[in-house]
Every structure is written in C-alpha cells, then in structure tokens.
Amino acid sequence: MYSDKPWDETHEYGYNTFLPPLVDTLQGRGCRPVHVAMFDDYTTGQRGKLDNYIQRMKVRPERVHHESEFARPAEEHLARLRSARRVAAYNGEFHLTGGNRPRLTVRSGRPSCELLDACFQDTKGRGTHIIIHPTDFVHQQEGMRDILGAINGDRWPGSIINVFFRRTNLSRVLFTDHSGRTKNV
C-alpha cells in the first residue's frame, strides 16, 4: 500500500472482501495464517498515518513494515550480487542478469520496488506465502521472485502463491514452488 494514497475500492476488495474468507478457509484447514502488511513510504517519501488504513482492515495485520526498512538490506544484497557478477547496467539502471532481468535499481540509483519487496519477502522465512496484489503488479512480482531466488543463492526460502485481482474479480493465481518454478494455478 502506498502511504500517500487514500483507501479506495482496490484496498476494500483486497483487504476486506478477499482476505477474510481466505483466512477463514486456511484456518479451517488447520493453518495459522499471519497477516503481514507493508506500506510503501520509500517511493512516496511519506510515512503517512497507518492507523487509518489498519482500522479499515477486517483482518488486522500482525506485523506492519515500511518499505524504507528494507533500503539497507537491498543495498547490501545489490553489493553481493554485483560482486558475484550477477548485475548488468542498462539505461541507467542495474538489472539482475538472467531470468526476466528485473530491475535492481532505478535511474536515481535507489533500490527498485522489486528488490525492496524481495528483501521484505525474505524476512518471512520458510513456508508458503500468499501475496495479494492488483494485476498492475504482475510484472513487479515476477521480478521480485527472480530477485528473491538470487539473493538466496538460487535457493528458495519458501513457496509463494501470488494472487492477482482486477477491480473486484480474481484474474490470475501463480504458484512458485521451493525450487523457484512458477506455474499458473
């Protein structure tokens, strides 16, 4: 969530229409889902008041992070990837070599959203992680998955289920297994 944007129908659908029954279903199957939210204060440069967002969520997050928390780990991972010769410069940005060649930095030199998100996802540890986004984030999530594998030495810390929606409808679900293979579900 962008900390400088107002709550809108995308937030309402993702957090209050889709997430609650998903949590109920998982709990009914004996799982203990943990809702972790990240607010983008890095791109916007604004911390924002999170209480307004969190109070609107039917399933309150157990952990909340700001994207800016991951700037330092992102820079450290970038330095390691550069040392391992896994980075190429292209149009003023650094990209991961191989795969979909996701952006690691933007032209200003700051870490990309893909890299920052990979650092965030890396904190979640092992297990299966369900990530819910509007379809606008399909490409960003592809890059994040490639980077997540790369920063973990091409080993995956867990499996990922990416759920994408457009307005009020599910549009795509991807499953990435422990070996990094992704398929449509």
Protein backbone atom coordinates (compact mmCIF):
# COMPACT_ATOMS: atom_id res chain seq x y z
CA MET A 1 0.00 0.00 0.00
CA TYR A 2 1.26 3.44 -0.86
CA SER A 3 1.25 5.50 2.31
CA ASP A 4 0.32 8.67 0.44
CA LYS A 5 -2.79 7.24 -1.28
CA PRO A 6 -6.30 7.19 0.18
CA TRP A 7 -8.17 3.97 0.87
CA ASP A 8 -10.06 3.00 -2.27
CA GLU A 9 -12.03 0.13 -3.83
CA THR A 10 -8.82 -1.80 -4.54
CA HIS A 11 -7.93 -1.79 -0.84
CA GLU A 12 -11.53 -2.60 0.09
CA TYR A 13 -11.62 -5.62 -2.20
CA GLY A 14 -8.16 -6.96 -1.36
CA TYR A 15 -8.30 -6.46 2.38
CA ASN A 16 -11.99 -6.78 3.21
CA THR A 17 -13.65 -8.86 0.50
CA PHE A 18 -10.90 -11.30 -0.50
CA LEU A 19 -8.64 -11.65 2.56
CA PRO A 20 -11.17 -12.51 5.34
CA PRO A 21 -12.67 -15.61 3.64
CA LEU A 22 -9.15 -16.71 2.62
CA VAL A 23 -8.02 -16.51 6.25
CA ASP A 24 -11.17 -18.42 7.36
CA THR A 25 -10.51 -21.14 4.76
CA LEU A 26 -6.88 -21.53 5.80
CA GLN A 27 -7.78 -21.66 9.49
CA GLY A 28 -10.46 -24.26 8.69
CA ARG A 29 -7.70 -26.40 7.19
CA GLY A 30 -5.59 -26.19 10.32
CA CYS A 31 -3.23 -23.45 9.11
CA ARG A 32 -2.25 -20.44 11.15
CA PRO A 33 -2.07 -17.56 8.68
CA VAL A 34 -0.17 -14.45 9.69
CA HIS A 35 -1.21 -11.20 8.03
CA VAL A 36 1.86 -9.10 7.30
CA ALA A 37 1.40 -5.71 5.64
CA MET A 38 3.96 -3.43 4.03
CA PHE A 39 3.42 0.27 3.41
CA ASP A 40 5.40 1.99 0.68
CA ASP A 41 6.85 5.08 2.27
CA TYR A 42 10.07 4.78 0.26
CA THR A 43 8.79 5.62 -3.21
CA THR A 44 6.44 8.28 -1.90
CA GLY A 45 8.80 9.75 0.71
CA GLN A 46 5.80 9.97 3.07
CA ARG A 47 5.32 7.85 6.15
CA GLY A 48 1.59 8.57 6.35
CA LYS A 49 -0.78 7.69 9.16
CA LEU A 50 -1.15 3.94 9.11
CA ASP A 51 -3.94 3.81 11.69
CA ASN A 52 -6.44 4.98 9.06
CA TYR A 53 -5.56 2.00 6.83
CA ILE A 54 -5.25 -0.58 9.56
CA GLN A 55 -8.54 0.35 11.24
CA ARG A 56 -10.35 -0.26 7.94
CA MET A 57 -8.96 -3.81 7.59
CA LYS A 58 -11.27 -6.59 8.74
CA VAL A 59 -8.22 -8.81 9.31
CA ARG A 60 -5.72 -6.65 11.15
CA PRO A 61 -2.06 -7.25 10.33
CA GLU A 62 0.01 -8.95 12.98
CA ARG A 63 3.13 -7.28 11.62
CA VAL A 64 3.48 -4.00 9.75
CA HIS A 65 6.57 -2.88 7.86
CA HIS A 66 7.57 0.24 5.98
CA GLU A 67 9.33 -0.28 2.66
CA SER A 68 12.10 2.09 3.78
CA GLU A 69 13.15 -0.54 6.36
CA PHE A 70 14.47 -2.64 3.50
CA ALA A 71 16.65 0.00 1.81
CA ARG A 72 19.83 -1.01 3.66
CA PRO A 73 19.35 -4.78 3.15
CA ALA A 74 18.59 -4.04 -0.53
CA GLU A 75 21.86 -2.14 -0.91
CA GLU A 76 23.75 -4.99 0.80
CA HIS A 77 22.18 -7.59 -1.50
CA LEU A 78 22.93 -5.41 -4.52
CA ALA A 79 26.61 -5.23 -3.50
CA ARG A 80 26.75 -9.04 -3.13
CA LEU A 81 25.07 -9.59 -6.49
CA ARG A 82 27.49 -7.15 -8.14
CA SER A 83 30.46 -8.96 -6.57
CA ALA A 84 29.07 -12.24 -7.93
CA ARG A 85 28.79 -10.61 -11.40
CA ARG A 86 25.03 -11.11 -11.50
CA VAL A 87 24.26 -7.46 -12.31
CA ALA A 88 24.24 -5.63 -15.64
CA ALA A 89 23.77 -1.92 -16.33
CA TYR A 90 21.02 -0.99 -18.77
CA ASN A 91 19.64 2.51 -19.49
CA GLY A 92 20.99 3.95 -16.24
CA GLU A 93 19.57 1.15 -14.10
CA PHE A 94 21.05 -2.05 -12.71
CA HIS A 95 19.30 -5.29 -13.63
CA LEU A 96 19.72 -8.86 -12.49
CA THR A 97 21.29 -10.98 -15.22
CA GLY A 98 19.30 -14.00 -16.37
CA GLY A 99 15.62 -14.74 -15.97
CA ASN A 100 13.39 -11.77 -16.73
CA ARG A 101 16.28 -9.36 -15.99
CA PRO A 102 14.37 -7.50 -13.27
CA ARG A 103 15.43 -4.04 -12.15
CA LEU A 104 17.59 -3.85 -9.06
CA THR A 105 17.87 -0.06 -9.10
CA VAL A 106 16.03 2.81 -10.72
CA ARG A 107 17.83 5.57 -12.62
CA SER A 108 18.35 7.63 -9.47
CA GLY A 109 20.39 4.73 -8.06
CA ARG A 110 17.83 3.84 -5.39
CA PRO A 111 16.80 0.20 -4.93
CA SER A 112 13.87 -0.84 -7.12
CA CYS A 113 10.50 -1.88 -5.73
CA GLU A 114 11.27 -5.42 -6.92
CA LEU A 115 14.45 -5.56 -4.83
CA LEU A 116 12.85 -3.92 -1.80
CA ASP A 117 9.93 -6.37 -1.97
CA ALA A 118 12.31 -9.34 -2.31
CA CYS A 119 14.06 -8.16 0.87
CA PHE A 120 10.66 -7.92 2.60
CA GLN A 121 9.58 -11.37 1.41
CA ASP A 122 12.92 -12.78 2.56
CA THR A 123 12.09 -11.83 6.17
CA LYS A 124 9.07 -14.13 6.18
CA GLY A 125 11.13 -17.31 6.33
CA ARG A 126 10.13 -20.79 5.26
CA GLY A 127 6.62 -21.98 4.48
CA THR A 128 4.05 -20.90 1.94
CA HIS A 129 3.42 -17.21 1.49
CA ILE A 130 0.32 -15.79 -0.17
CA ILE A 131 0.81 -12.38 -1.73
CA ILE A 132 -2.26 -10.46 -2.89
CA HIS A 133 -1.95 -7.62 -5.42
CA PRO A 134 -3.94 -5.89 -8.15
CA THR A 135 -2.97 -7.09 -11.65
CA ASP A 136 -0.90 -3.92 -12.13
CA PHE A 137 1.79 -5.68 -10.06
CA VAL A 138 2.18 -8.88 -12.12
CA HIS A 139 5.46 -7.74 -13.72
CA GLN A 140 6.83 -6.37 -10.44
CA GLN A 141 6.11 -9.68 -8.71
CA GLU A 142 7.83 -11.65 -11.50
CA GLY A 143 10.92 -9.54 -10.89
CA MET A 144 10.61 -9.90 -7.13
CA ARG A 145 10.53 -13.71 -7.42
CA ASP A 146 13.67 -13.74 -9.62
CA ILE A 147 15.49 -11.46 -7.20
CA LEU A 148 14.33 -13.41 -4.14
CA GLY A 149 15.89 -16.53 -5.61
CA ALA A 150 19.10 -14.69 -6.49
CA ILE A 151 19.60 -13.15 -3.04
CA ASN A 152 19.18 -16.61 -1.55
CA GLY A 153 21.86 -18.21 -3.71
CA ASP A 154 19.25 -19.55 -6.15
CA ARG A 155 17.58 -21.44 -3.31
CA TRP A 156 14.05 -20.53 -2.29
CA PRO A 157 13.21 -19.76 1.34
CA GLY A 158 9.64 -21.00 0.80
CA SER A 159 6.90 -21.25 -1.77
CA ILE A 160 4.81 -18.31 -2.97
CA ILE A 161 1.24 -18.04 -4.13
CA ASN A 162 0.70 -14.76 -5.98
CA VAL A 163 -2.98 -13.83 -6.19
CA PHE A 164 -3.84 -11.03 -8.59
CA PHE A 165 -7.19 -9.28 -8.96
CA ARG A 166 -8.67 -6.63 -11.20
CA ARG A 167 -11.28 -4.40 -9.57
CA THR A 168 -13.45 -6.99 -7.79
CA ASN A 169 -12.50 -10.18 -9.64
CA LEU A 170 -9.66 -12.62 -9.32
CA SER A 171 -7.65 -12.52 -12.51
CA ARG A 172 -4.61 -14.73 -12.03
CA VAL A 173 -3.01 -17.05 -9.50
CA LEU A 174 0.61 -18.17 -9.74
CA PHE A 175 2.38 -20.77 -7.63
CA THR A 176 6.16 -20.71 -7.22
CA ASP A 177 7.50 -23.87 -5.60
CA HIS A 178 10.55 -24.34 -3.36
CA SER A 179 12.79 -24.76 -6.41
CA GLY A 180 11.66 -21.48 -7.99
CA ARG A 181 9.45 -22.92 -10.72
CA THR A 182 6.32 -20.84 -11.32
CA LYS A 183 3.09 -22.04 -12.89
CA ASN A 184 -0.43 -20.75 -13.38
CA VAL A 185 -2.93 -22.29 -11.00
